[in-house]
C-alpha atoms as a PDB file:
ATOM      1  CA  UNK A   1      44.923   0.809 129.633  1.00  0.00           C
ATOM      2  CA  UNK A   2      48.101   2.290 128.217  1.00  0.00           C
ATOM      3  CA  UNK A   3      50.258   0.103 126.007  1.00  0.00           C
ATOM      4  CA  UNK A   4      53.933   0.801 125.725  1.00  0.00           C
ATOM      5  CA  UNK A   5      55.797   0.080 122.524  1.00  0.00           C
ATOM      6  CA  UNK A   6      59.007  -1.403 123.948  1.00  0.00           C
ATOM      7  CA  UNK A   7      60.998  -0.856 120.760  1.00  0.00           C
ATOM      8  CA  UNK A   8      60.076   2.809 120.724  1.00  0.00           C
ATOM      9  CA  UNK A   9      60.870   3.148 124.425  1.00  0.00           C
ATOM     10  CA  UNK A  10      64.273   1.487 124.037  1.00  0.00           C
ATOM     11  CA  UNK A  11      65.073   3.646 121.015  1.00  0.00           C
ATOM     12  CA  UNK A  12      64.209   6.789 122.982  1.00  0.00           C
ATOM     13  CA  UNK A  13      66.310   5.626 125.942  1.00  0.00           C
ATOM     14  CA  UNK A  14      69.303   4.895 123.712  1.00  0.00           C
ATOM     15  CA  UNK A  15      68.972   8.298 122.048  1.00  0.00           C
ATOM     16  CA  UNK A  16      68.825  10.083 125.412  1.00  0.00           C
ATOM     17  CA  UNK A  17      71.764   8.077 126.733  1.00  0.00           C
ATOM     18  CA  UNK A  18      73.816   8.940 123.657  1.00  0.00           C
ATOM     19  CA  UNK A  19      73.022  12.620 124.066  1.00  0.00           C
ATOM     20  CA  UNK A  20      73.880  12.471 127.775  1.00  0.00           C
ATOM     21  CA  UNK A  21      77.273  10.963 126.937  1.00  0.00           C
ATOM     22  CA  UNK A  22      77.902  13.541 124.212  1.00  0.00           C
ATOM     23  CA  UNK A  23      77.650  11.037 121.353  1.00  0.00           C
ATOM     24  CA  UNK A  24      75.874  11.374 118.032  1.00  0.00           C
ATOM     25  CA  UNK A  25      72.450   9.742 118.588  1.00  0.00           C
ATOM     26  CA  UNK A  26      72.162   8.679 114.941  1.00  0.00           C
ATOM     27  CA  UNK A  27      75.188   6.388 115.126  1.00  0.00           C
ATOM     28  CA  UNK A  28      74.892   5.410 118.794  1.00  0.00           C
ATOM     29  CA  UNK A  29      71.334   4.088 118.458  1.00  0.00           C
ATOM     30  CA  UNK A  30      72.063   1.646 115.649  1.00  0.00           C
ATOM     31  CA  UNK A  31      74.924  -0.043 117.492  1.00  0.00           C
ATOM     32  CA  UNK A  32      77.282  -2.556 115.965  1.00  0.00           C
ATOM     33  CA  UNK A  33      75.958  -4.078 112.764  1.00  0.00           C
ATOM     34  CA  UNK A  34      76.677  -7.661 113.788  1.00  0.00           C
ATOM     35  CA  UNK A  35      75.813  -7.507 117.496  1.00  0.00           C
ATOM     36  CA  UNK A  36      73.738 -10.453 118.618  1.00  0.00           C
ATOM     37  CA  UNK A  37      70.711 -10.344 120.861  1.00  0.00           C
ATOM     38  CA  UNK A  38      72.583 -11.700 123.863  1.00  0.00           C
ATOM     39  CA  UNK A  39      75.268  -9.031 123.434  1.00  0.00           C
ATOM     40  CA  UNK A  40      72.682  -6.267 123.245  1.00  0.00           C
ATOM     41  CA  UNK A  41      70.861  -7.613 126.301  1.00  0.00           C
ATOM     42  CA  UNK A  42      74.083  -7.922 128.290  1.00  0.00           C
ATOM     43  CA  UNK A  43      75.072  -4.363 127.348  1.00  0.00           C
ATOM     44  CA  UNK A  44      71.660  -3.072 128.426  1.00  0.00           C
ATOM     45  CA  UNK A  45      71.883  -4.817 131.800  1.00  0.00           C
ATOM     46  CA  UNK A  46      75.455  -3.588 132.294  1.00  0.00           C
ATOM     47  CA  UNK A  47      74.377  -0.045 131.480  1.00  0.00           C
ATOM     48  CA  UNK A  48      71.518  -0.229 133.995  1.00  0.00           C
ATOM     49  CA  UNK A  49      73.940  -1.551 136.601  1.00  0.00           C
ATOM     50  CA  UNK A  50      76.379   1.280 135.909  1.00  0.00           C
ATOM     51  CA  UNK A  51      73.575   3.860 136.153  1.00  0.00           C
ATOM     52  CA  UNK A  52      72.489   2.451 139.517  1.00  0.00           C
ATOM     53  CA  UNK A  53      76.053   2.399 140.851  1.00  0.00           C
ATOM     54  CA  UNK A  54      76.583   6.038 139.831  1.00  0.00           C
ATOM     55  CA  UNK A  55      73.323   7.037 141.512  1.00  0.00           C
ATOM     56  CA  UNK A  56      74.353   5.233 144.697  1.00  0.00           C
ATOM     57  CA  UNK A  57      77.755   6.931 144.673  1.00  0.00           C
ATOM     58  CA  UNK A  58      76.132  10.353 144.294  1.00  0.00           C
ATOM     59  CA  UNK A  59      73.652   9.584 147.078  1.00  0.00           C
ATOM     60  CA  UNK A  60      76.453   8.434 149.387  1.00  0.00           C
ATOM     61  CA  UNK A  61      78.467  11.562 148.613  1.00  0.00           C
ATOM     62  CA  UNK A  62      75.459  13.739 149.419  1.00  0.00           C
ATOM     63  CA  UNK A  63      74.727  11.825 152.631  1.00  0.00           C
ATOM     64  CA  UNK A  64      78.300  12.205 153.827  1.00  0.00           C
ATOM     65  CA  UNK A  65      78.203  15.938 153.167  1.00  0.00           C
ATOM     66  CA  UNK A  66      80.543  16.210 150.194  1.00  0.00           C
ATOM     67  CA  UNK A  67      80.685  19.810 149.043  1.00  0.00           C
ATOM     68  CA  UNK A  68      80.281  18.961 145.340  1.00  0.00           C
ATOM     69  CA  UNK A  69      77.128  16.826 145.837  1.00  0.00           C
ATOM     70  CA  UNK A  70      74.013  18.640 144.675  1.00  0.00           C
ATOM     71  CA  UNK A  71      70.576  17.349 145.732  1.00  0.00           C
ATOM     72  CA  UNK A  72      69.118  18.005 142.286  1.00  0.00           C
ATOM     73  CA  UNK A  73      71.877  15.956 140.654  1.00  0.00           C
ATOM     74  CA  UNK A  74      71.358  13.147 143.163  1.00  0.00           C
ATOM     75  CA  UNK A  75      67.607  13.067 142.603  1.00  0.00           C
ATOM     76  CA  UNK A  76      68.027  13.109 138.826  1.00  0.00           C
ATOM     77  CA  UNK A  77      70.521  10.229 138.950  1.00  0.00           C
ATOM     78  CA  UNK A  78      68.212   8.218 141.206  1.00  0.00           C
ATOM     79  CA  UNK A  79      65.275   8.751 138.832  1.00  0.00           C
ATOM     80  CA  UNK A  80      67.377   7.743 135.817  1.00  0.00           C
ATOM     81  CA  UNK A  81      68.445   4.568 137.626  1.00  0.00           C
ATOM     82  CA  UNK A  82      64.868   3.753 138.602  1.00  0.00           C
ATOM     83  CA  UNK A  83      63.519   4.363 135.110  1.00  0.00           C
ATOM     84  CA  UNK A  84      66.215   2.291 133.429  1.00  0.00           C
ATOM     85  CA  UNK A  85      65.614  -0.568 135.875  1.00  0.00           C
ATOM     86  CA  UNK A  86      61.870  -0.463 135.207  1.00  0.00           C
ATOM     87  CA  UNK A  87      62.468  -0.542 131.451  1.00  0.00           C
ATOM     88  CA  UNK A  88      64.783  -3.555 131.687  1.00  0.00           C
ATOM     89  CA  UNK A  89      62.278  -5.287 133.953  1.00  0.00           C
ATOM     90  CA  UNK A  90      59.534  -4.754 131.365  1.00  0.00           C
ATOM     91  CA  UNK A  91      61.769  -6.143 128.616  1.00  0.00           C
ATOM     92  CA  UNK A  92      62.500  -9.178 130.792  1.00  0.00           C
ATOM     93  CA  UNK A  93      58.779  -9.674 131.426  1.00  0.00           C
ATOM     94  CA  UNK A  94      58.087  -9.576 127.687  1.00  0.00           C
ATOM     95  CA  UNK A  95      60.870 -12.089 127.041  1.00  0.00           C
ATOM     96  CA  UNK A  96      59.520 -14.466 129.680  1.00  0.00           C
ATOM     97  CA  UNK A  97      56.001 -14.161 128.255  1.00  0.00           C
ATOM     98  CA  UNK A  98      57.293 -14.858 124.737  1.00  0.00           C
ATOM     99  CA  UNK A  99      59.283 -17.866 125.990  1.00  0.00           C
ATOM    100  CA  UNK A 100      56.236 -19.257 127.785  1.00  0.00           C
ATOM    101  CA  UNK A 101      54.117 -18.792 124.691  1.00  0.00           C
ATOM    102  CA  UNK A 102      56.668 -20.609 122.540  1.00  0.00           C
ATOM    103  CA  UNK A 103      56.903 -23.453 125.049  1.00  0.00           C
ATOM    104  CA  UNK A 104      53.099 -23.862 125.003  1.00  0.00           C
ATOM    105  CA  UNK A 105      52.983 -24.179 121.204  1.00  0.00           C
ATOM    106  CA  UNK A 106      52.167 -27.578 119.809  1.00  0.00           C
ATOM    107  CA  UNK A 107      54.501 -28.965 117.174  1.00  0.00           C
END
């Protein structure tokens, strides 16, 4: 069974996203110094949503026969959207498991 270190995965995803947007990965990965957990989670979900919307727009452009739509670009965008959604789903699953564990603790 393969275990995935979620922190490492998220760090790698943030680094790749920073590089894709032309930002310096060293400063983009750390984020704001005083950002709370809810802010970071909301930003991650918003970023996944934006990635999925861009992939859908590219797919629609390709389906309608737009001359600038490349199949390789469409497939890459769809894979990025799928991967980011899977990562956020895994984070959510870990959060739910942690919440359930805390709720089952005896005080």
